[in-house]
mmCIF file of all heavy atoms, coordinates in Angstrom:
data_MODEL
# 
_entry.id   MODEL 
# 
loop_
_atom_site.group_PDB 
_atom_site.id 
_atom_site.type_symbol 
_atom_site.label_atom_id 
_atom_site.label_alt_id 
_atom_site.label_comp_id 
_atom_site.label_asym_id 
_atom_site.label_entity_id 
_atom_site.label_seq_id 
_atom_site.pdbx_PDB_ins_code 
_atom_site.Cartn_x 
_atom_site.Cartn_y 
_atom_site.Cartn_z 
_atom_site.occupancy 
_atom_site.B_iso_or_equiv 
_atom_site.pdbx_formal_charge 
_atom_site.auth_seq_id 
_atom_site.auth_comp_id 
_atom_site.auth_asym_id 
_atom_site.auth_atom_id 
_atom_site.pdbx_PDB_model_num 
ATOM 1   N N   . THR A 1 1  ? 23.396 -12.128 12.213 1.00 0.00 ? 1  THR A N   1 
ATOM 2   C CA  . THR A 1 1  ? 22.882 -13.251 11.425 1.00 0.00 ? 1  THR A CA  1 
ATOM 3   C C   . THR A 1 1  ? 21.364 -13.189 11.316 1.00 0.00 ? 1  THR A C   1 
ATOM 4   O O   . THR A 1 1  ? 20.794 -13.351 10.223 1.00 0.00 ? 1  THR A O   1 
ATOM 5   C CB  . THR A 1 1  ? 23.309 -14.579 12.071 1.00 0.00 ? 1  THR A CB  1 
ATOM 6   O OG1 . THR A 1 1  ? 24.733 -14.691 12.031 1.00 0.00 ? 1  THR A OG1 1 
ATOM 7   C CG2 . THR A 1 1  ? 22.705 -15.769 11.337 1.00 0.00 ? 1  THR A CG2 1 
ATOM 8   N N   . LEU A 1 2  ? 20.696 -12.932 12.427 1.00 0.00 ? 2  LEU A N   1 
ATOM 9   C CA  . LEU A 1 2  ? 19.233 -12.846 12.393 1.00 0.00 ? 2  LEU A CA  1 
ATOM 10  C C   . LEU A 1 2  ? 18.773 -11.668 11.539 1.00 0.00 ? 2  LEU A C   1 
ATOM 11  O O   . LEU A 1 2  ? 17.787 -11.784 10.791 1.00 0.00 ? 2  LEU A O   1 
ATOM 12  C CB  . LEU A 1 2  ? 18.688 -12.716 13.815 1.00 0.00 ? 2  LEU A CB  1 
ATOM 13  C CG  . LEU A 1 2  ? 18.813 -13.962 14.699 1.00 0.00 ? 2  LEU A CG  1 
ATOM 14  C CD1 . LEU A 1 2  ? 18.298 -13.675 16.103 1.00 0.00 ? 2  LEU A CD1 1 
ATOM 15  C CD2 . LEU A 1 2  ? 18.065 -15.153 14.089 1.00 0.00 ? 2  LEU A CD2 1 
ATOM 16  N N   . GLU A 1 3  ? 19.468 -10.565 11.634 1.00 0.00 ? 3  GLU A N   1 
ATOM 17  C CA  . GLU A 1 3  ? 19.089 -9.404  10.828 1.00 0.00 ? 3  GLU A CA  1 
ATOM 18  C C   . GLU A 1 3  ? 19.267 -9.690  9.335  1.00 0.00 ? 3  GLU A C   1 
ATOM 19  O O   . GLU A 1 3  ? 18.433 -9.291  8.507  1.00 0.00 ? 3  GLU A O   1 
ATOM 20  C CB  . GLU A 1 3  ? 19.905 -8.187  11.242 1.00 0.00 ? 3  GLU A CB  1 
ATOM 21  C CG  . GLU A 1 3  ? 19.547 -7.678  12.637 1.00 0.00 ? 3  GLU A CG  1 
ATOM 22  C CD  . GLU A 1 3  ? 20.394 -6.508  13.079 1.00 0.00 ? 3  GLU A CD  1 
ATOM 23  O OE1 . GLU A 1 3  ? 21.402 -6.208  12.395 1.00 0.00 ? 3  GLU A OE1 1 
ATOM 24  O OE2 . GLU A 1 3  ? 20.052 -5.895  14.097 1.00 0.00 ? 3  GLU A OE2 1 
ATOM 25  N N   . LEU A 1 4  ? 20.353 -10.392 8.995  1.00 0.00 ? 4  LEU A N   1 
ATOM 26  C CA  . LEU A 1 4  ? 20.604 -10.711 7.590  1.00 0.00 ? 4  LEU A CA  1 
ATOM 27  C C   . LEU A 1 4  ? 19.530 -11.628 7.023  1.00 0.00 ? 4  LEU A C   1 
ATOM 28  O O   . LEU A 1 4  ? 19.013 -11.393 5.921  1.00 0.00 ? 4  LEU A O   1 
ATOM 29  C CB  . LEU A 1 4  ? 21.978 -11.361 7.441  1.00 0.00 ? 4  LEU A CB  1 
ATOM 30  C CG  . LEU A 1 4  ? 23.199 -10.453 7.579  1.00 0.00 ? 4  LEU A CG  1 
ATOM 31  C CD1 . LEU A 1 4  ? 24.473 -11.278 7.610  1.00 0.00 ? 4  LEU A CD1 1 
ATOM 32  C CD2 . LEU A 1 4  ? 23.244 -9.435  6.444  1.00 0.00 ? 4  LEU A CD2 1 
ATOM 33  N N   . ILE A 1 5  ? 19.195 -12.680 7.748  1.00 0.00 ? 5  ILE A N   1 
ATOM 34  C CA  . ILE A 1 5  ? 18.255 -13.656 7.188  1.00 0.00 ? 5  ILE A CA  1 
ATOM 35  C C   . ILE A 1 5  ? 16.809 -13.160 7.210  1.00 0.00 ? 5  ILE A C   1 
ATOM 36  O O   . ILE A 1 5  ? 15.948 -13.758 6.553  1.00 0.00 ? 5  ILE A O   1 
ATOM 37  C CB  . ILE A 1 5  ? 18.363 -15.031 7.882  1.00 0.00 ? 5  ILE A CB  1 
ATOM 38  C CG1 . ILE A 1 5  ? 17.996 -14.943 9.362  1.00 0.00 ? 5  ILE A CG1 1 
ATOM 39  C CG2 . ILE A 1 5  ? 19.754 -15.620 7.679  1.00 0.00 ? 5  ILE A CG2 1 
ATOM 40  C CD1 . ILE A 1 5  ? 18.042 -16.292 10.075 1.00 0.00 ? 5  ILE A CD1 1 
ATOM 41  N N   . THR A 1 6  ? 16.552 -12.072 7.934  1.00 0.00 ? 6  THR A N   1 
ATOM 42  C CA  . THR A 1 6  ? 15.206 -11.502 7.894  1.00 0.00 ? 6  THR A CA  1 
ATOM 43  C C   . THR A 1 6  ? 15.064 -10.422 6.836  1.00 0.00 ? 6  THR A C   1 
ATOM 44  O O   . THR A 1 6  ? 13.939 -10.031 6.507  1.00 0.00 ? 6  THR A O   1 
ATOM 45  C CB  . THR A 1 6  ? 14.808 -10.895 9.255  1.00 0.00 ? 6  THR A CB  1 
ATOM 46  O OG1 . THR A 1 6  ? 15.796 -9.945  9.669  1.00 0.00 ? 6  THR A OG1 1 
ATOM 47  C CG2 . THR A 1 6  ? 14.669 -11.978 10.311 1.00 0.00 ? 6  THR A CG2 1 
ATOM 48  N N   . THR A 1 7  ? 16.180 -9.960  6.298  1.00 0.00 ? 7  THR A N   1 
ATOM 49  C CA  . THR A 1 7  ? 16.106 -8.854  5.330  1.00 0.00 ? 7  THR A CA  1 
ATOM 50  C C   . THR A 1 7  ? 16.377 -9.289  3.893  1.00 0.00 ? 7  THR A C   1 
ATOM 51  O O   . THR A 1 7  ? 16.235 -8.474  2.978  1.00 0.00 ? 7  THR A O   1 
ATOM 52  C CB  . THR A 1 7  ? 17.102 -7.738  5.700  1.00 0.00 ? 7  THR A CB  1 
ATOM 53  O OG1 . THR A 1 7  ? 18.412 -8.292  5.841  1.00 0.00 ? 7  THR A OG1 1 
ATOM 54  C CG2 . THR A 1 7  ? 16.705 -7.080  7.007  1.00 0.00 ? 7  THR A CG2 1 
ATOM 55  N N   . VAL A 1 8  ? 16.766 -10.545 3.689  1.00 0.00 ? 8  VAL A N   1 
ATOM 56  C CA  . VAL A 1 8  ? 16.982 -11.031 2.322  1.00 0.00 ? 8  VAL A CA  1 
ATOM 57  C C   . VAL A 1 8  ? 16.135 -12.271 2.086  1.00 0.00 ? 8  VAL A C   1 
ATOM 58  O O   . VAL A 1 8  ? 15.801 -12.997 3.029  1.00 0.00 ? 8  VAL A O   1 
ATOM 59  C CB  . VAL A 1 8  ? 18.468 -11.365 2.060  1.00 0.00 ? 8  VAL A CB  1 
ATOM 60  C CG1 . VAL A 1 8  ? 19.339 -10.148 2.257  1.00 0.00 ? 8  VAL A CG1 1 
ATOM 61  C CG2 . VAL A 1 8  ? 18.947 -12.511 2.950  1.00 0.00 ? 8  VAL A CG2 1 
ATOM 62  N N   . ARG A 1 9  ? 15.782 -12.487 0.849  1.00 0.00 ? 9  ARG A N   1 
ATOM 63  C CA  . ARG A 1 9  ? 15.081 -13.718 0.475  1.00 0.00 ? 9  ARG A CA  1 
ATOM 64  C C   . ARG A 1 9  ? 16.103 -14.840 0.348  1.00 0.00 ? 9  ARG A C   1 
ATOM 65  O O   . ARG A 1 9  ? 17.173 -14.663 -0.240 1.00 0.00 ? 9  ARG A O   1 
ATOM 66  C CB  . ARG A 1 9  ? 14.317 -13.528 -0.838 1.00 0.00 ? 9  ARG A CB  1 
ATOM 67  C CG  . ARG A 1 9  ? 13.060 -12.658 -0.696 1.00 0.00 ? 9  ARG A CG  1 
ATOM 68  C CD  . ARG A 1 9  ? 12.028 -13.315 0.205  1.00 0.00 ? 9  ARG A CD  1 
ATOM 69  N NE  . ARG A 1 9  ? 10.843 -12.504 0.396  1.00 0.00 ? 9  ARG A NE  1 
ATOM 70  C CZ  . ARG A 1 9  ? 9.727  -12.627 -0.315 1.00 0.00 ? 9  ARG A CZ  1 
ATOM 71  N NH1 . ARG A 1 9  ? 9.666  -13.517 -1.286 1.00 0.00 ? 9  ARG A NH1 1 
ATOM 72  N NH2 . ARG A 1 9  ? 8.691  -11.865 -0.072 1.00 0.00 ? 9  ARG A NH2 1 
ATOM 73  N N   . LEU A 1 10 ? 15.780 -15.981 0.905  1.00 0.00 ? 10 LEU A N   1 
ATOM 74  C CA  . LEU A 1 10 ? 16.695 -17.118 0.933  1.00 0.00 ? 10 LEU A CA  1 
ATOM 75  C C   . LEU A 1 10 ? 16.226 -18.184 -0.054 1.00 0.00 ? 10 LEU A C   1 
ATOM 76  O O   . LEU A 1 10 ? 15.023 -18.422 -0.193 1.00 0.00 ? 10 LEU A O   1 
ATOM 77  C CB  . LEU A 1 10 ? 16.753 -17.710 2.342  1.00 0.00 ? 10 LEU A CB  1 
ATOM 78  C CG  . LEU A 1 10 ? 17.086 -16.738 3.483  1.00 0.00 ? 10 LEU A CG  1 
ATOM 79  C CD1 . LEU A 1 10 ? 16.854 -17.405 4.828  1.00 0.00 ? 10 LEU A CD1 1 
ATOM 80  C CD2 . LEU A 1 10 ? 18.529 -16.270 3.371  1.00 0.00 ? 10 LEU A CD2 1 
ATOM 81  N N   . GLY A 1 11 ? 17.184 -18.840 -0.688 1.00 0.00 ? 11 GLY A N   1 
ATOM 82  C CA  . GLY A 1 11 ? 16.833 -19.944 -1.561 1.00 0.00 ? 11 GLY A CA  1 
ATOM 83  C C   . GLY A 1 11 ? 16.281 -19.499 -2.897 1.00 0.00 ? 11 GLY A C   1 
ATOM 84  O O   . GLY A 1 11 ? 15.915 -18.341 -3.096 1.00 0.00 ? 11 GLY A O   1 
ATOM 85  N N   . PRO A 1 12 ? 16.187 -20.419 -3.851 1.00 0.00 ? 12 PRO A N   1 
ATOM 86  C CA  . PRO A 1 12 ? 15.756 -20.083 -5.221 1.00 0.00 ? 12 PRO A CA  1 
ATOM 87  C C   . PRO A 1 12 ? 14.292 -19.664 -5.313 1.00 0.00 ? 12 PRO A C   1 
ATOM 88  O O   . PRO A 1 12 ? 13.896 -18.977 -6.243 1.00 0.00 ? 12 PRO A O   1 
ATOM 89  C CB  . PRO A 1 12 ? 16.008 -21.388 -5.990 1.00 0.00 ? 12 PRO A CB  1 
ATOM 90  C CG  . PRO A 1 12 ? 15.965 -22.463 -4.944 1.00 0.00 ? 12 PRO A CG  1 
ATOM 91  C CD  . PRO A 1 12 ? 16.532 -21.845 -3.707 1.00 0.00 ? 12 PRO A CD  1 
ATOM 92  N N   . ASP A 1 13 ? 13.470 -20.063 -4.334 1.00 0.00 ? 13 ASP A N   1 
ATOM 93  C CA  . ASP A 1 13 ? 12.045 -19.744 -4.401 1.00 0.00 ? 13 ASP A CA  1 
ATOM 94  C C   . ASP A 1 13 ? 11.652 -18.593 -3.496 1.00 0.00 ? 13 ASP A C   1 
ATOM 95  O O   . ASP A 1 13 ? 10.471 -18.370 -3.228 1.00 0.00 ? 13 ASP A O   1 
ATOM 96  C CB  . ASP A 1 13 ? 11.216 -20.988 -4.037 1.00 0.00 ? 13 ASP A CB  1 
ATOM 97  C CG  . ASP A 1 13 ? 11.431 -22.129 -5.015 1.00 0.00 ? 13 ASP A CG  1 
ATOM 98  O OD1 . ASP A 1 13 ? 11.566 -21.843 -6.221 1.00 0.00 ? 13 ASP A OD1 1 
ATOM 99  O OD2 . ASP A 1 13 ? 11.474 -23.293 -4.577 1.00 0.00 ? 13 ASP A OD2 1 
ATOM 100 N N   . GLY A 1 14 ? 12.641 -17.853 -2.974 1.00 0.00 ? 14 GLY A N   1 
ATOM 101 C CA  . GLY A 1 14 ? 12.325 -16.671 -2.194 1.00 0.00 ? 14 GLY A CA  1 
ATOM 102 C C   . GLY A 1 14 ? 11.784 -16.945 -0.819 1.00 0.00 ? 14 GLY A C   1 
ATOM 103 O O   . GLY A 1 14 ? 10.780 -16.365 -0.391 1.00 0.00 ? 14 GLY A O   1 
ATOM 104 N N   . ILE A 1 15 ? 12.430 -17.858 -0.076 1.00 0.00 ? 15 ILE A N   1 
ATOM 105 C CA  . ILE A 1 15 ? 12.043 -18.144 1.301  1.00 0.00 ? 15 ILE A CA  1 
ATOM 106 C C   . ILE A 1 15 ? 12.223 -16.880 2.139  1.00 0.00 ? 15 ILE A C   1 
ATOM 107 O O   . ILE A 1 15 ? 13.188 -16.142 1.967  1.00 0.00 ? 15 ILE A O   1 
ATOM 108 C CB  . ILE A 1 15 ? 12.931 -19.272 1.864  1.00 0.00 ? 15 ILE A CB  1 
ATOM 109 C CG1 . ILE A 1 15 ? 12.742 -20.546 1.033  1.00 0.00 ? 15 ILE A CG1 1 
ATOM 110 C CG2 . ILE A 1 15 ? 12.637 -19.549 3.327  1.00 0.00 ? 15 ILE A CG2 1 
ATOM 111 C CD1 . ILE A 1 15 ? 13.889 -21.514 1.179  1.00 0.00 ? 15 ILE A CD1 1 
ATOM 112 N N   . SER A 1 16 ? 11.300 -16.634 3.063  1.00 0.00 ? 16 SER A N   1 
ATOM 113 C CA  . SER A 1 16 ? 11.425 -15.459 3.915  1.00 0.00 ? 16 SER A CA  1 
ATOM 114 C C   . SER A 1 16 ? 11.241 -15.826 5.384  1.00 0.00 ? 16 SER A C   1 
ATOM 115 O O   . SER A 1 16 ? 10.606 -16.828 5.719  1.00 0.00 ? 16 SER A O   1 
ATOM 116 C CB  . SER A 1 16 ? 10.409 -14.379 3.529  1.00 0.00 ? 16 SER A CB  1 
ATOM 117 O OG  . SER A 1 16 ? 9.092  -14.778 3.844  1.00 0.00 ? 16 SER A OG  1 
ATOM 118 N N   . VAL A 1 17 ? 11.824 -14.986 6.257  1.00 0.00 ? 17 VAL A N   1 
ATOM 119 C CA  . VAL A 1 17 ? 11.772 -15.181 7.706  1.00 0.00 ? 17 VAL A CA  1 
ATOM 120 C C   . VAL A 1 17 ? 10.922 -14.080 8.318  1.00 0.00 ? 17 VAL A C   1 
ATOM 121 O O   . VAL A 1 17 ? 11.033 -12.904 7.944  1.00 0.00 ? 17 VAL A O   1 
ATOM 122 C CB  . VAL A 1 17 ? 13.195 -15.160 8.298  1.00 0.00 ? 17 VAL A CB  1 
ATOM 123 C CG1 . VAL A 1 17 ? 13.160 -15.077 9.824  1.00 0.00 ? 17 VAL A CG1 1 
ATOM 124 C CG2 . VAL A 1 17 ? 13.963 -16.395 7.848  1.00 0.00 ? 17 VAL A CG2 1 
ATOM 125 N N   . ASP A 1 18 ? 10.096 -14.442 9.275  1.00 0.00 ? 18 ASP A N   1 
ATOM 126 C CA  . ASP A 1 18 ? 9.263  -13.480 9.996  1.00 0.00 ? 18 ASP A CA  1 
ATOM 127 C C   . ASP A 1 18 ? 10.087 -12.859 11.129 1.00 0.00 ? 18 ASP A C   1 
ATOM 128 O O   . ASP A 1 18 ? 10.536 -13.576 12.026 1.00 0.00 ? 18 ASP A O   1 
ATOM 129 C CB  . ASP A 1 18 ? 8.040  -14.194 10.577 1.00 0.00 ? 18 ASP A CB  1 
ATOM 130 C CG  . ASP A 1 18 ? 7.039  -13.235 11.203 1.00 0.00 ? 18 ASP A CG  1 
ATOM 131 O OD1 . ASP A 1 18 ? 7.424  -12.117 11.580 1.00 0.00 ? 18 ASP A OD1 1 
ATOM 132 O OD2 . ASP A 1 18 ? 5.866  -13.633 11.340 1.00 0.00 ? 18 ASP A OD2 1 
ATOM 133 N N   . PRO A 1 19 ? 10.315 -11.538 11.133 1.00 0.00 ? 19 PRO A N   1 
ATOM 134 C CA  . PRO A 1 19 ? 11.122 -10.912 12.185 1.00 0.00 ? 19 PRO A CA  1 
ATOM 135 C C   . PRO A 1 19 ? 10.496 -10.983 13.570 1.00 0.00 ? 19 PRO A C   1 
ATOM 136 O O   . PRO A 1 19 ? 11.139 -10.634 14.567 1.00 0.00 ? 19 PRO A O   1 
ATOM 137 C CB  . PRO A 1 19 ? 11.259 -9.462  11.711 1.00 0.00 ? 19 PRO A CB  1 
ATOM 138 C CG  . PRO A 1 19 ? 10.124 -9.249  10.779 1.00 0.00 ? 19 PRO A CG  1 
ATOM 139 C CD  . PRO A 1 19 ? 9.870  -10.564 10.118 1.00 0.00 ? 19 PRO A CD  1 
ATOM 140 N N   . ALA A 1 20 ? 9.246  -11.447 13.665 1.00 0.00 ? 20 ALA A N   1 
ATOM 141 C CA  . ALA A 1 20 ? 8.596  -11.621 14.962 1.00 0.00 ? 20 ALA A CA  1 
ATOM 142 C C   . ALA A 1 20 ? 8.705  -13.058 15.468 1.00 0.00 ? 20 ALA A C   1 
ATOM 143 O O   . ALA A 1 20 ? 8.113  -13.398 16.490 1.00 0.00 ? 20 ALA A O   1 
ATOM 144 C CB  . ALA A 1 20 ? 7.124  -11.215 14.872 1.00 0.00 ? 20 ALA A CB  1 
ATOM 145 N N   . LYS A 1 21 ? 9.468  -13.899 14.755 1.00 0.00 ? 21 LYS A N   1 
ATOM 146 C CA  . LYS A 1 21 ? 9.594  -15.317 15.140 1.00 0.00 ? 21 LYS A CA  1 
ATOM 147 C C   . LYS A 1 21 ? 11.069 -15.718 15.191 1.00 0.00 ? 21 LYS A C   1 
ATOM 148 O O   . LYS A 1 21 ? 11.518 -16.621 14.484 1.00 0.00 ? 21 LYS A O   1 
ATOM 149 C CB  . LYS A 1 21 ? 8.862  -16.209 14.141 1.00 0.00 ? 21 LYS A CB  1 
ATOM 150 C CG  . LYS A 1 21 ? 7.357  -15.961 14.039 1.00 0.00 ? 21 LYS A CG  1 
ATOM 151 C CD  . LYS A 1 21 ? 6.737  -16.858 12.980 1.00 0.00 ? 21 LYS A CD  1 
ATOM 152 C CE  . LYS A 1 21 ? 5.237  -16.608 12.843 1.00 0.00 ? 21 LYS A CE  1 
ATOM 153 N NZ  . LYS A 1 21 ? 4.641  -17.448 11.756 1.00 0.00 ? 21 LYS A NZ  1 
ATOM 154 N N   . LEU A 1 22 ? 11.839 -15.040 16.040 1.00 0.00 ? 22 LEU A N   1 
ATOM 155 C CA  . LEU A 1 22 ? 13.284 -15.258 16.072 1.00 0.00 ? 22 LEU A CA  1 
ATOM 156 C C   . LEU A 1 22 ? 13.737 -15.827 17.418 1.00 0.00 ? 22 LEU A C   1 
ATOM 157 O O   . LEU A 1 22 ? 13.245 -15.434 18.472 1.00 0.00 ? 22 LEU A O   1 
ATOM 158 C CB  . LEU A 1 22 ? 14.019 -13.940 15.815 1.00 0.00 ? 22 LEU A CB  1 
ATOM 159 C CG  . LEU A 1 22 ? 13.706 -13.226 14.501 1.00 0.00 ? 22 LEU A CG  1 
ATOM 160 C CD1 . LEU A 1 22 ? 14.496 -11.929 14.412 1.00 0.00 ? 22 LEU A CD1 1 
ATOM 161 C CD2 . LEU A 1 22 ? 13.999 -14.126 13.305 1.00 0.00 ? 22 LEU A CD2 1 
ATOM 162 N N   . GLY A 1 23 ? 14.723 -16.730 17.358 1.00 0.00 ? 23 GLY A N   1 
ATOM 163 C CA  . GLY A 1 23 ? 15.291 -17.313 18.559 1.00 0.00 ? 23 GLY A CA  1 
ATOM 164 C C   . GLY A 1 23 ? 16.799 -17.383 18.487 1.00 0.00 ? 23 GLY A C   1 
ATOM 165 O O   . GLY A 1 23 ? 17.400 -17.165 17.425 1.00 0.00 ? 23 GLY A O   1 
ATOM 166 N N   . LEU A 1 24 ? 17.415 -17.689 19.610 1.00 0.00 ? 24 LEU A N   1 
ATOM 167 C CA  . LEU A 1 24 ? 18.864 -17.850 19.712 1.00 0.00 ? 24 LEU A CA  1 
ATOM 168 C C   . LEU A 1 24 ? 19.167 -19.187 20.355 1.00 0.00 ? 24 LEU A C   1 
ATOM 169 O O   . LEU A 1 24 ? 18.416 -19.675 21.204 1.00 0.00 ? 24 LEU A O   1 
ATOM 170 C CB  . LEU A 1 24 ? 19.467 -16.733 20.565 1.00 0.00 ? 24 LEU A CB  1 
ATOM 171 C CG  . LEU A 1 24 ? 19.456 -15.328 19.963 1.00 0.00 ? 24 LEU A CG  1 
ATOM 172 C CD1 . LEU A 1 24 ? 19.659 -14.277 21.052 1.00 0.00 ? 24 LEU A CD1 1 
ATOM 173 C CD2 . LEU A 1 24 ? 20.530 -15.196 18.889 1.00 0.00 ? 24 LEU A CD2 1 
ATOM 174 N N   . ALA A 1 25 ? 20.291 -19.769 19.954 1.00 0.00 ? 25 ALA A N   1 
ATOM 175 C CA  . ALA A 1 25 ? 20.700 -21.053 20.522 1.00 0.00 ? 25 ALA A CA  1 
ATOM 176 C C   . ALA A 1 25 ? 22.217 -21.145 20.475 1.00 0.00 ? 25 ALA A C   1 
ATOM 177 O O   . ALA A 1 25 ? 22.881 -20.339 19.810 1.00 0.00 ? 25 ALA A O   1 
ATOM 178 C CB  . ALA A 1 25 ? 20.069 -22.213 19.739 1.00 0.00 ? 25 ALA A CB  1 
ATOM 179 N N   . GLY A 1 26 ? 22.772 -22.123 21.174 1.00 0.00 ? 26 GLY A N   1 
ATOM 180 C CA  . GLY A 1 26 ? 24.214 -22.293 21.114 1.00 0.00 ? 26 GLY A CA  1 
ATOM 181 C C   . GLY A 1 26 ? 24.710 -23.401 22.012 1.00 0.00 ? 26 GLY A C   1 
ATOM 182 O O   . GLY A 1 26 ? 24.002 -23.892 22.905 1.00 0.00 ? 26 GLY A O   1 
ATOM 183 N N   . HIS A 1 27 ? 25.954 -23.783 21.758 1.00 0.00 ? 27 HIS A N   1 
ATOM 184 C CA  . HIS A 1 27 ? 26.647 -24.830 22.504 1.00 0.00 ? 27 HIS A CA  1 
ATOM 185 C C   . HIS A 1 27 ? 27.884 -24.238 23.157 1.00 0.00 ? 27 HIS A C   1 
ATOM 186 O O   . HIS A 1 27 ? 28.572 -23.411 22.564 1.00 0.00 ? 27 HIS A O   1 
ATOM 187 C CB  . HIS A 1 27 ? 27.049 -25.961 21.542 1.00 0.00 ? 27 HIS A CB  1 
ATOM 188 C CG  . HIS A 1 27 ? 28.066 -26.909 22.113 1.00 0.00 ? 27 HIS A CG  1 
ATOM 189 N ND1 . HIS A 1 27 ? 29.294 -27.126 21.520 1.00 0.00 ? 27 HIS A ND1 1 
ATOM 190 C CD2 . HIS A 1 27 ? 28.044 -27.684 23.234 1.00 0.00 ? 27 HIS A CD2 1 
ATOM 191 C CE1 . HIS A 1 27 ? 29.981 -28.010 22.238 1.00 0.00 ? 27 HIS A CE1 1 
ATOM 192 N NE2 . HIS A 1 27 ? 29.248 -28.353 23.281 1.00 0.00 ? 27 HIS A NE2 1 
ATOM 193 N N   . SER A 1 28 ? 28.160 -24.642 24.406 1.00 0.00 ? 28 SER A N   1 
ATOM 194 C CA  . SER A 1 28 ? 29.373 -24.231 25.100 1.00 0.00 ? 28 SER A CA  1 
ATOM 195 C C   . SER A 1 28 ? 29.430 -22.703 25.197 1.00 0.00 ? 28 SER A C   1 
ATOM 196 O O   . SER A 1 28 ? 28.454 -22.072 25.587 1.00 0.00 ? 28 SER A O   1 
ATOM 197 C CB  . SER A 1 28 ? 30.587 -24.822 24.362 1.00 0.00 ? 28 SER A CB  1 
ATOM 198 O OG  . SER A 1 28 ? 31.791 -24.535 25.020 1.00 0.00 ? 28 SER A OG  1 
ATOM 199 N N   . THR A 1 29 ? 30.561 -22.101 24.847 1.00 0.00 ? 29 THR A N   1 
ATOM 200 C CA  . THR A 1 29 ? 30.628 -20.635 24.897 1.00 0.00 ? 29 THR A CA  1 
ATOM 201 C C   . THR A 1 29 ? 29.701 -19.996 23.869 1.00 0.00 ? 29 THR A C   1 
ATOM 202 O O   . THR A 1 29 ? 29.313 -18.835 24.026 1.00 0.00 ? 29 THR A O   1 
ATOM 203 C CB  . THR A 1 29 ? 32.069 -20.151 24.672 1.00 0.00 ? 29 THR A CB  1 
ATOM 204 O OG1 . THR A 1 29 ? 32.607 -20.781 23.501 1.00 0.00 ? 29 THR A OG1 1 
ATOM 205 C CG2 . THR A 1 29 ? 32.949 -20.470 25.869 1.00 0.00 ? 29 THR A CG2 1 
ATOM 206 N N   . GLY A 1 30 ? 29.330 -20.746 22.844 1.00 0.00 ? 30 GLY A N   1 
ATOM 207 C CA  . GLY A 1 30 ? 28.321 -20.245 21.912 1.00 0.00 ? 30 GLY A CA  1 
ATOM 208 C C   . GLY A 1 30 ? 26.962 -20.142 22.573 1.00 0.00 ? 30 GLY A C   1 
ATOM 209 O O   . GLY A 1 30 ? 26.159 -19.267 22.234 1.00 0.00 ? 30 GLY A O   1 
# 
């Protein structure tokens, strides 16, 4: 998921993610 959202532009205006600013989170077994 992190790799996908850092390699494609998101949204109609080309939102981008910085690959040096990534985190993980989750609930329960997630």
